[in-house]
Full PDB file with SEQRES, HELIX, SHEET, SSBOND, CRYST1, ORIGX, SCALE, CONECT and MASTER records, all heavy atoms in Angstrom:
SEQRES   1 A   36  ALA ILE CYS ASP LYS THR LEU ARG GLY GLN VAL HIS PRO          
SEQRES   2 A   36  TYR VAL LEU ASN PHE LEU LYS ILE LEU CYS GLU ARG GLY          
SEQRES   3 A   36  ALA LEU CYS GLU PHE ALA GLY CYS GLU ALA                      
HELIX    1 AA1 ILE A    2  LEU A    7  1                                   6    
HELIX    2 AA2 PRO A   13  GLU A   24  1                                  12    
HELIX    3 AA3 LEU A   28  GLU A   30  5                                   3    
HELIX    4 AA4 PHE A   31  GLU A   35  1                                   5    
CRYST1    1.000    1.000    1.000  90.00  90.00  90.00 P 1           1          
ORIGX1      1.000000  0.000000  0.000000        0.00000                         
ORIGX2      0.000000  1.000000  0.000000        0.00000                         
ORIGX3      0.000000  0.000000  1.000000        0.00000                         
SCALE1      1.000000  0.000000  0.000000        0.00000                         
SCALE2      0.000000  1.000000  0.000000        0.00000                         
SCALE3      0.000000  0.000000  1.000000        0.00000                         
ATOM      1  N   ALA A   1      -6.466  -3.166  -0.049  1.00  0.00           N  
ATOM      2  CA  ALA A   1      -6.875  -2.246  -1.126  1.00  0.00           C  
ATOM      3  C   ALA A   1      -7.746  -1.119  -0.508  1.00  0.00           C  
ATOM      4  O   ALA A   1      -7.588   0.134  -0.873  1.00  0.00           O  
ATOM      5  CB  ALA A   1      -7.577  -2.930  -2.259  1.00  0.00           C  
ATOM      6  N   ILE A   2      -8.750  -1.495   0.334  1.00  0.00           N  
ATOM      7  CA  ILE A   2      -9.640  -0.494   0.917  1.00  0.00           C  
ATOM      8  C   ILE A   2      -8.805   0.389   1.887  1.00  0.00           C  
ATOM      9  O   ILE A   2      -8.966   1.654   1.891  1.00  0.00           O  
ATOM     10  CB  ILE A   2     -10.805  -1.162   1.775  1.00  0.00           C  
ATOM     11  CG1 ILE A   2     -11.727  -1.884   0.816  1.00  0.00           C  
ATOM     12  CG2 ILE A   2     -11.409  -0.210   2.615  1.00  0.00           C  
ATOM     13  CD1 ILE A   2     -12.733  -2.834   1.408  1.00  0.00           C  
ATOM     14  N   CYS A   3      -7.911  -0.211   2.572  1.00  0.00           N  
ATOM     15  CA  CYS A   3      -7.088   0.616   3.508  1.00  0.00           C  
ATOM     16  C   CYS A   3      -6.230   1.569   2.663  1.00  0.00           C  
ATOM     17  O   CYS A   3      -6.210   2.797   2.995  1.00  0.00           O  
ATOM     18  CB  CYS A   3      -6.161  -0.293   4.358  1.00  0.00           C  
ATOM     19  SG  CYS A   3      -5.042   0.522   5.550  1.00  0.00           S  
ATOM     20  N   ASP A   4      -5.538   1.087   1.611  1.00  0.00           N  
ATOM     21  CA  ASP A   4      -4.735   1.881   0.753  1.00  0.00           C  
ATOM     22  C   ASP A   4      -5.553   2.991   0.114  1.00  0.00           C  
ATOM     23  O   ASP A   4      -5.147   4.185   0.179  1.00  0.00           O  
ATOM     24  CB  ASP A   4      -4.168   1.017  -0.304  1.00  0.00           C  
ATOM     25  CG  ASP A   4      -3.109   1.792  -1.159  1.00  0.00           C  
ATOM     26  OD1 ASP A   4      -2.067   2.170  -0.543  1.00  0.00           O  
ATOM     27  OD2 ASP A   4      -3.359   2.019  -2.405  1.00  0.00           O  
ATOM     28  N   LYS A   5      -6.742   2.699  -0.441  1.00  0.00           N  
ATOM     29  CA  LYS A   5      -7.549   3.734  -1.133  1.00  0.00           C  
ATOM     30  C   LYS A   5      -7.976   4.826  -0.172  1.00  0.00           C  
ATOM     31  O   LYS A   5      -8.034   5.936  -0.523  1.00  0.00           O  
ATOM     32  CB  LYS A   5      -8.686   3.085  -1.732  1.00  0.00           C  
ATOM     33  CG  LYS A   5      -9.523   4.013  -2.687  1.00  0.00           C  
ATOM     34  CD  LYS A   5     -10.577   3.314  -3.443  1.00  0.00           C  
ATOM     35  CE  LYS A   5     -11.321   4.297  -4.240  1.00  0.00           C  
ATOM     36  NZ  LYS A   5     -12.372   3.630  -5.150  1.00  0.00           N  
ATOM     37  N   THR A   6      -8.348   4.409   1.056  1.00  0.00           N  
ATOM     38  CA  THR A   6      -8.872   5.333   1.990  1.00  0.00           C  
ATOM     39  C   THR A   6      -7.848   6.291   2.624  1.00  0.00           C  
ATOM     40  O   THR A   6      -8.109   7.423   2.824  1.00  0.00           O  
ATOM     41  CB  THR A   6      -9.489   4.532   3.230  1.00  0.00           C  
ATOM     42  OG1 THR A   6     -10.558   3.698   2.563  1.00  0.00           O  
ATOM     43  CG2 THR A   6     -10.206   5.511   4.172  1.00  0.00           C  
ATOM     44  N   LEU A   7      -6.704   5.714   2.877  1.00  0.00           N  
ATOM     45  CA  LEU A   7      -5.648   6.503   3.632  1.00  0.00           C  
ATOM     46  C   LEU A   7      -4.455   7.025   2.796  1.00  0.00           C  
ATOM     47  O   LEU A   7      -3.683   7.783   3.324  1.00  0.00           O  
ATOM     48  CB  LEU A   7      -5.107   5.655   4.810  1.00  0.00           C  
ATOM     49  CG  LEU A   7      -6.226   5.278   5.820  1.00  0.00           C  
ATOM     50  CD1 LEU A   7      -5.788   4.329   6.839  1.00  0.00           C  
ATOM     51  CD2 LEU A   7      -6.772   6.556   6.484  1.00  0.00           C  
ATOM     52  N   ARG A   8      -4.335   6.541   1.580  1.00  0.00           N  
ATOM     53  CA  ARG A   8      -3.176   7.075   0.758  1.00  0.00           C  
ATOM     54  C   ARG A   8      -3.180   8.507   0.629  1.00  0.00           C  
ATOM     55  O   ARG A   8      -4.274   9.092   0.351  1.00  0.00           O  
ATOM     56  CB  ARG A   8      -3.179   6.404  -0.643  1.00  0.00           C  
ATOM     57  CG  ARG A   8      -2.030   6.880  -1.524  1.00  0.00           C  
ATOM     58  CD  ARG A   8      -1.876   6.144  -2.693  1.00  0.00           C  
ATOM     59  NE  ARG A   8      -1.588   4.619  -2.586  1.00  0.00           N  
ATOM     60  CZ  ARG A   8      -0.338   4.191  -2.245  1.00  0.00           C  
ATOM     61  NH1 ARG A   8       0.576   5.013  -2.165  1.00  0.00           N  
ATOM     62  NH2 ARG A   8      -0.176   2.873  -2.125  1.00  0.00           N  
ATOM     63  N   GLY A   9      -2.104   9.201   0.853  1.00  0.00           N  
ATOM     64  CA  GLY A   9      -2.066  10.625   0.824  1.00  0.00           C  
ATOM     65  C   GLY A   9      -2.544  11.354   2.080  1.00  0.00           C  
ATOM     66  O   GLY A   9      -2.328  12.531   2.242  1.00  0.00           O  
ATOM     67  N   GLN A  10      -3.144  10.621   3.009  1.00  0.00           N  
ATOM     68  CA  GLN A  10      -3.586  11.137   4.243  1.00  0.00           C  
ATOM     69  C   GLN A  10      -2.730  10.993   5.432  1.00  0.00           C  
ATOM     70  O   GLN A  10      -2.736  11.787   6.352  1.00  0.00           O  
ATOM     71  CB  GLN A  10      -4.980  10.545   4.617  1.00  0.00           C  
ATOM     72  CG  GLN A  10      -6.076  10.596   3.567  1.00  0.00           C  
ATOM     73  CD  GLN A  10      -6.426  12.080   3.208  1.00  0.00           C  
ATOM     74  OE1 GLN A  10      -6.677  12.804   4.077  1.00  0.00           O  
ATOM     75  NE2 GLN A  10      -6.466  12.290   1.872  1.00  0.00           N  
ATOM     76  N   VAL A  11      -1.855   9.938   5.276  1.00  0.00           N  
ATOM     77  CA  VAL A  11      -0.860   9.651   6.310  1.00  0.00           C  
ATOM     78  C   VAL A  11       0.454   9.395   5.711  1.00  0.00           C  
ATOM     79  O   VAL A  11       0.654   9.119   4.449  1.00  0.00           O  
ATOM     80  CB  VAL A  11      -1.283   8.462   7.187  1.00  0.00           C  
ATOM     81  CG1 VAL A  11      -2.594   8.709   7.931  1.00  0.00           C  
ATOM     82  CG2 VAL A  11      -1.473   7.154   6.328  1.00  0.00           C  
ATOM     83  N   HIS A  12       1.480   9.445   6.594  1.00  0.00           N  
ATOM     84  CA  HIS A  12       2.881   9.101   6.050  1.00  0.00           C  
ATOM     85  C   HIS A  12       2.873   7.678   5.429  1.00  0.00           C  
ATOM     86  O   HIS A  12       2.181   6.819   5.936  1.00  0.00           O  
ATOM     87  CB  HIS A  12       3.807   9.266   7.211  1.00  0.00           C  
ATOM     88  CG  HIS A  12       5.280   9.159   6.782  1.00  0.00           C  
ATOM     89  ND1 HIS A  12       5.914   7.978   6.578  1.00  0.00           N  
ATOM     90  CD2 HIS A  12       6.095  10.157   6.612  1.00  0.00           C  
ATOM     91  CE1 HIS A  12       7.181   8.314   6.090  1.00  0.00           C  
ATOM     92  NE2 HIS A  12       7.327   9.600   6.193  1.00  0.00           N  
ATOM     93  N   PRO A  13       3.656   7.441   4.379  1.00  0.00           N  
ATOM     94  CA  PRO A  13       3.698   6.087   3.785  1.00  0.00           C  
ATOM     95  C   PRO A  13       4.083   5.092   4.797  1.00  0.00           C  
ATOM     96  O   PRO A  13       3.559   3.935   4.637  1.00  0.00           O  
ATOM     97  CB  PRO A  13       4.805   6.359   2.661  1.00  0.00           C  
ATOM     98  CG  PRO A  13       4.706   7.759   2.339  1.00  0.00           C  
ATOM     99  CD  PRO A  13       4.413   8.537   3.588  1.00  0.00           C  
ATOM    100  N   TYR A  14       4.910   5.299   5.778  1.00  0.00           N  
ATOM    101  CA  TYR A  14       5.222   4.302   6.776  1.00  0.00           C  
ATOM    102  C   TYR A  14       3.992   3.884   7.532  1.00  0.00           C  
ATOM    103  O   TYR A  14       3.755   2.723   7.913  1.00  0.00           O  
ATOM    104  CB  TYR A  14       6.319   4.818   7.733  1.00  0.00           C  
ATOM    105  CG  TYR A  14       7.721   4.897   7.160  1.00  0.00           C  
ATOM    106  CD1 TYR A  14       8.785   5.291   7.955  1.00  0.00           C  
ATOM    107  CD2 TYR A  14       7.986   4.534   5.870  1.00  0.00           C  
ATOM    108  CE1 TYR A  14      10.076   5.486   7.502  1.00  0.00           C  
ATOM    109  CE2 TYR A  14       9.271   4.575   5.361  1.00  0.00           C  
ATOM    110  CZ  TYR A  14      10.316   5.132   6.161  1.00  0.00           C  
ATOM    111  OH  TYR A  14      11.516   5.101   5.665  1.00  0.00           O  
ATOM    112  N   VAL A  15       3.174   4.883   7.919  1.00  0.00           N  
ATOM    113  CA  VAL A  15       1.918   4.566   8.684  1.00  0.00           C  
ATOM    114  C   VAL A  15       1.029   3.803   7.713  1.00  0.00           C  
ATOM    115  O   VAL A  15       0.379   2.771   8.255  1.00  0.00           O  
ATOM    116  CB  VAL A  15       1.282   5.867   9.151  1.00  0.00           C  
ATOM    117  CG1 VAL A  15      -0.077   5.623   9.808  1.00  0.00           C  
ATOM    118  CG2 VAL A  15       2.200   6.607  10.144  1.00  0.00           C  
ATOM    119  N   LEU A  16       0.858   4.134   6.461  1.00  0.00           N  
ATOM    120  CA  LEU A  16      -0.070   3.404   5.655  1.00  0.00           C  
ATOM    121  C   LEU A  16       0.482   1.959   5.404  1.00  0.00           C  
ATOM    122  O   LEU A  16      -0.381   1.065   5.564  1.00  0.00           O  
ATOM    123  CB  LEU A  16      -0.049   4.121   4.229  1.00  0.00           C  
ATOM    124  CG  LEU A  16      -0.923   3.417   3.208  1.00  0.00           C  
ATOM    125  CD1 LEU A  16      -2.363   3.294   3.660  1.00  0.00           C  
ATOM    126  CD2 LEU A  16      -0.787   4.212   1.863  1.00  0.00           C  
ATOM    127  N   ASN A  17       1.728   1.826   5.233  1.00  0.00           N  
ATOM    128  CA  ASN A  17       2.290   0.459   5.088  1.00  0.00           C  
ATOM    129  C   ASN A  17       2.086  -0.353   6.381  1.00  0.00           C  
ATOM    130  O   ASN A  17       1.805  -1.546   6.324  1.00  0.00           O  
ATOM    131  CB  ASN A  17       3.813   0.424   4.715  1.00  0.00           C  
ATOM    132  CG  ASN A  17       3.913   0.966   3.278  1.00  0.00           C  
ATOM    133  OD1 ASN A  17       2.989   0.843   2.390  1.00  0.00           O  
ATOM    134  ND2 ASN A  17       5.077   1.444   2.788  1.00  0.00           N  
ATOM    135  N   PHE A  18       2.318   0.301   7.487  1.00  0.00           N  
ATOM    136  CA  PHE A  18       2.103  -0.359   8.705  1.00  0.00           C  
ATOM    137  C   PHE A  18       0.644  -0.856   8.891  1.00  0.00           C  
ATOM    138  O   PHE A  18       0.391  -1.988   9.290  1.00  0.00           O  
ATOM    139  CB  PHE A  18       2.442   0.577   9.930  1.00  0.00           C  
ATOM    140  CG  PHE A  18       2.271   0.010  11.262  1.00  0.00           C  
ATOM    141  CD1 PHE A  18       3.291  -0.927  11.733  1.00  0.00           C  
ATOM    142  CD2 PHE A  18       1.259   0.384  12.184  1.00  0.00           C  
ATOM    143  CE1 PHE A  18       3.160  -1.548  12.966  1.00  0.00           C  
ATOM    144  CE2 PHE A  18       1.064  -0.241  13.372  1.00  0.00           C  
ATOM    145  CZ  PHE A  18       2.050  -1.165  13.766  1.00  0.00           C  
ATOM    146  N   LEU A  19      -0.302  -0.032   8.515  1.00  0.00           N  
ATOM    147  CA  LEU A  19      -1.698  -0.369   8.578  1.00  0.00           C  
ATOM    148  C   LEU A  19      -2.024  -1.604   7.616  1.00  0.00           C  
ATOM    149  O   LEU A  19      -2.840  -2.420   7.975  1.00  0.00           O  
ATOM    150  CB  LEU A  19      -2.583   0.848   8.377  1.00  0.00           C  
ATOM    151  CG  LEU A  19      -2.700   1.870   9.439  1.00  0.00           C  
ATOM    152  CD1 LEU A  19      -3.385   3.120   8.925  1.00  0.00           C  
ATOM    153  CD2 LEU A  19      -3.297   1.386  10.738  1.00  0.00           C  
ATOM    154  N   LYS A  20      -1.368  -1.444   6.471  1.00  0.00           N  
ATOM    155  CA  LYS A  20      -1.629  -2.578   5.435  1.00  0.00           C  
ATOM    156  C   LYS A  20      -1.062  -3.890   6.027  1.00  0.00           C  
ATOM    157  O   LYS A  20      -1.713  -4.871   5.796  1.00  0.00           O  
ATOM    158  CB  LYS A  20      -1.070  -2.157   4.158  1.00  0.00           C  
ATOM    159  CG  LYS A  20      -1.885  -1.022   3.463  1.00  0.00           C  
ATOM    160  CD  LYS A  20      -1.154  -0.287   2.385  1.00  0.00           C  
ATOM    161  CE  LYS A  20      -0.601  -1.059   1.268  1.00  0.00           C  
ATOM    162  NZ  LYS A  20       0.007  -0.269   0.122  1.00  0.00           N  
ATOM    163  N   ILE A  21       0.003  -3.819   6.687  1.00  0.00           N  
ATOM    164  CA  ILE A  21       0.579  -5.029   7.320  1.00  0.00           C  
ATOM    165  C   ILE A  21      -0.364  -5.571   8.324  1.00  0.00           C  
ATOM    166  O   ILE A  21      -0.716  -6.843   8.391  1.00  0.00           O  
ATOM    167  CB  ILE A  21       1.982  -4.874   7.817  1.00  0.00           C  
ATOM    168  CG1 ILE A  21       2.933  -4.638   6.738  1.00  0.00           C  
ATOM    169  CG2 ILE A  21       2.365  -5.948   8.777  1.00  0.00           C  
ATOM    170  CD1 ILE A  21       4.347  -4.134   7.245  1.00  0.00           C  
ATOM    171  N   LEU A  22      -0.915  -4.776   9.153  1.00  0.00           N  
ATOM    172  CA  LEU A  22      -1.869  -5.172  10.199  1.00  0.00           C  
ATOM    173  C   LEU A  22      -3.153  -5.728   9.468  1.00  0.00           C  
ATOM    174  O   LEU A  22      -3.644  -6.877   9.963  1.00  0.00           O  
ATOM    175  CB  LEU A  22      -2.305  -4.022  11.096  1.00  0.00           C  
ATOM    176  CG  LEU A  22      -1.258  -3.469  12.098  1.00  0.00           C  
ATOM    177  CD1 LEU A  22      -1.814  -2.370  12.953  1.00  0.00           C  
ATOM    178  CD2 LEU A  22      -0.649  -4.558  12.884  1.00  0.00           C  
ATOM    179  N   CYS A  23      -3.611  -5.122   8.415  1.00  0.00           N  
ATOM    180  CA  CYS A  23      -4.790  -5.691   7.697  1.00  0.00           C  
ATOM    181  C   CYS A  23      -4.462  -7.041   7.139  1.00  0.00           C  
ATOM    182  O   CYS A  23      -5.286  -7.958   7.144  1.00  0.00           O  
ATOM    183  CB  CYS A  23      -5.199  -4.681   6.585  1.00  0.00           C  
ATOM    184  SG  CYS A  23      -6.107  -3.272   7.121  1.00  0.00           S  
ATOM    185  N   GLU A  24      -3.257  -7.115   6.494  1.00  0.00           N  
ATOM    186  CA  GLU A  24      -2.868  -8.417   5.946  1.00  0.00           C  
ATOM    187  C   GLU A  24      -2.781  -9.569   6.904  1.00  0.00           C  
ATOM    188  O   GLU A  24      -3.265 -10.695   6.630  1.00  0.00           O  
ATOM    189  CB  GLU A  24      -1.449  -8.330   5.306  1.00  0.00           C  
ATOM    190  CG  GLU A  24      -1.458  -7.631   3.998  1.00  0.00           C  
ATOM    191  CD  GLU A  24       0.071  -7.519   3.463  1.00  0.00           C  
ATOM    192  OE1 GLU A  24       0.986  -7.926   4.162  1.00  0.00           O  
ATOM    193  OE2 GLU A  24       0.177  -7.003   2.292  1.00  0.00           O  
ATOM    194  N   ARG A  25      -2.424  -9.187   8.170  1.00  0.00           N  
ATOM    195  CA  ARG A  25      -2.238 -10.204   9.226  1.00  0.00           C  
ATOM    196  C   ARG A  25      -3.535 -10.455  10.033  1.00  0.00           C  
ATOM    197  O   ARG A  25      -3.658 -11.171  10.977  1.00  0.00           O  
ATOM    198  CB  ARG A  25      -1.107  -9.880  10.157  1.00  0.00           C  
ATOM    199  CG  ARG A  25       0.186  -9.866   9.430  1.00  0.00           C  
ATOM    200  CD  ARG A  25       1.322  -9.704  10.333  1.00  0.00           C  
ATOM    201  NE  ARG A  25       2.520  -9.455   9.654  1.00  0.00           N  
ATOM    202  CZ  ARG A  25       3.362 -10.416   9.264  1.00  0.00           C  
ATOM    203  NH1 ARG A  25       2.987 -11.696   9.354  1.00  0.00           N  
ATOM    204  NH2 ARG A  25       4.469 -10.203   8.626  1.00  0.00           N  
ATOM    205  N   GLY A  26      -4.645  -9.656   9.646  1.00  0.00           N  
ATOM    206  CA  GLY A  26      -5.887  -9.751  10.368  1.00  0.00           C  
ATOM    207  C   GLY A  26      -5.681  -9.199  11.802  1.00  0.00           C  
ATOM    208  O   GLY A  26      -6.351  -9.787  12.787  1.00  0.00           O  
ATOM    209  N   ALA A  27      -4.814  -8.280  11.996  1.00  0.00           N  
ATOM    210  CA  ALA A  27      -4.378  -7.820  13.332  1.00  0.00           C  
ATOM    211  C   ALA A  27      -4.691  -6.345  13.546  1.00  0.00           C  
ATOM    212  O   ALA A  27      -4.125  -5.663  14.463  1.00  0.00           O  
ATOM    213  CB  ALA A  27      -2.954  -8.059  13.641  1.00  0.00           C  
ATOM    214  N   LEU A  28      -5.677  -5.758  12.817  1.00  0.00           N  
ATOM    215  CA  LEU A  28      -5.952  -4.375  13.055  1.00  0.00           C  
ATOM    216  C   LEU A  28      -6.476  -4.075  14.445  1.00  0.00           C  
ATOM    217  O   LEU A  28      -6.319  -2.992  14.932  1.00  0.00           O  
ATOM    218  CB  LEU A  28      -6.996  -3.850  12.008  1.00  0.00           C  
ATOM    219  CG  LEU A  28      -7.071  -2.380  11.788  1.00  0.00           C  
ATOM    220  CD1 LEU A  28      -5.739  -1.768  11.461  1.00  0.00           C  
ATOM    221  CD2 LEU A  28      -8.136  -1.992  10.867  1.00  0.00           C  
ATOM    222  N   CYS A  29      -7.009  -5.158  15.024  1.00  0.00           N  
ATOM    223  CA  CYS A  29      -7.414  -4.983  16.497  1.00  0.00           C  
ATOM    224  C   CYS A  29      -6.373  -4.668  17.386  1.00  0.00           C  
ATOM    225  O   CYS A  29      -6.604  -4.169  18.526  1.00  0.00           O  
ATOM    226  CB  CYS A  29      -8.197  -6.190  16.872  1.00  0.00           C  
ATOM    227  SG  CYS A  29      -7.192  -7.609  16.891  1.00  0.00           S  
ATOM    228  N   GLU A  30      -5.091  -4.857  16.994  1.00  0.00           N  
ATOM    229  CA  GLU A  30      -3.941  -4.605  17.758  1.00  0.00           C  
ATOM    230  C   GLU A  30      -3.391  -3.131  17.680  1.00  0.00           C  
ATOM    231  O   GLU A  30      -2.449  -2.769  18.323  1.00  0.00           O  
ATOM    232  CB  GLU A  30      -2.781  -5.580  17.390  1.00  0.00           C  
ATOM    233  CG  GLU A  30      -3.084  -7.031  17.669  1.00  0.00           C  
ATOM    234  CD  GLU A  30      -2.905  -7.450  19.060  1.00  0.00           C  
ATOM    235  OE1 GLU A  30      -2.544  -6.615  19.912  1.00  0.00           O  
ATOM    236  OE2 GLU A  30      -3.308  -8.489  19.491  1.00  0.00           O  
ATOM    237  N   PHE A  31      -4.096  -2.379  16.794  1.00  0.00           N  
ATOM    238  CA  PHE A  31      -3.524  -1.070  16.507  1.00  0.00           C  
ATOM    239  C   PHE A  31      -3.415  -0.182  17.724  1.00  0.00           C  
ATOM    240  O   PHE A  31      -2.393   0.486  17.852  1.00  0.00           O  
ATOM    241  CB  PHE A  31      -4.484  -0.271  15.553  1.00  0.00           C  
ATOM    242  CG  PHE A  31      -4.011   1.046  15.212  1.00  0.00           C  
ATOM    243  CD1 PHE A  31      -2.957   1.252  14.286  1.00  0.00           C  
ATOM    244  CD2 PHE A  31      -4.518   2.199  15.791  1.00  0.00           C  
ATOM    245  CE1 PHE A  31      -2.455   2.557  13.965  1.00  0.00           C  
ATOM    246  CE2 PHE A  31      -4.162   3.469  15.531  1.00  0.00           C  
ATOM    247  CZ  PHE A  31      -2.991   3.593  14.593  1.00  0.00           C  
ATOM    248  N   ALA A  32      -4.347  -0.131  18.697  1.00  0.00           N  
ATOM    249  CA  ALA A  32      -4.181   0.749  19.834  1.00  0.00           C  
ATOM    250  C   ALA A  32      -3.118   0.309  20.626  1.00  0.00           C  
ATOM    251  O   ALA A  32      -2.353   1.133  21.149  1.00  0.00           O  
ATOM    252  CB  ALA A  32      -5.536   0.634  20.684  1.00  0.00           C  
ATOM    253  N   GLY A  33      -2.839  -0.984  20.782  1.00  0.00           N  
ATOM    254  CA  GLY A  33      -1.660  -1.475  21.525  1.00  0.00           C  
ATOM    255  C   GLY A  33      -0.326  -1.035  20.849  1.00  0.00           C  
ATOM    256  O   GLY A  33       0.633  -0.754  21.477  1.00  0.00           O  
ATOM    257  N   CYS A  34      -0.392  -1.165  19.526  1.00  0.00           N  
ATOM    258  CA  CYS A  34       0.862  -0.755  18.715  1.00  0.00           C  
ATOM    259  C   CYS A  34       1.051   0.771  19.016  1.00  0.00           C  
ATOM    260  O   CYS A  34       2.300   1.107  19.099  1.00  0.00           O  
ATOM    261  CB  CYS A  34       0.657  -1.028  17.231  1.00  0.00           C  
ATOM    262  SG  CYS A  34       0.486  -2.788  16.841  1.00  0.00           S  
ATOM    263  N   GLU A  35       0.082   1.539  18.910  1.00  0.00           N  
ATOM    264  CA  GLU A  35       0.228   2.969  19.193  1.00  0.00           C  
ATOM    265  C   GLU A  35       0.717   3.248  20.540  1.00  0.00           C  
ATOM    266  O   GLU A  35       1.673   4.078  20.739  1.00  0.00           O  
ATOM    267  CB  GLU A  35      -1.172   3.756  18.991  1.00  0.00           C  
ATOM    268  CG  GLU A  35      -1.086   5.256  19.066  1.00  0.00           C  
ATOM    269  CD  GLU A  35      -1.304   5.802  20.436  1.00  0.00           C  
ATOM    270  OE1 GLU A  35      -1.680   5.090  21.295  1.00  0.00           O  
ATOM    271  OE2 GLU A  35      -0.921   7.005  20.554  1.00  0.00           O  
ATOM    272  N   ALA A  36       0.253   2.464  21.500  1.00  0.00           N  
ATOM    273  CA  ALA A  36       0.805   2.593  22.894  1.00  0.00           C  
ATOM    274  C   ALA A  36       2.227   2.219  23.106  1.00  0.00           C  
ATOM    275  O   ALA A  36       3.055   2.917  23.721  1.00  0.00           O  
ATOM    276  CB  ALA A  36      -0.068   1.820  23.883  1.00  0.00           C  
TER     277      ALA A  36                                                      
MASTER        0    0    0    4    0    0    0    6  276    1    0    3          
END                                                                             
């Protein structure tokens, strides 16, 4: 919910949903690797 509230409308919905999946899985620390 924090991720959604902070980033909704700021990024493409696919990016937002991707970040929400990472948050759900406790894997936001993997974001830089995902970007790479």
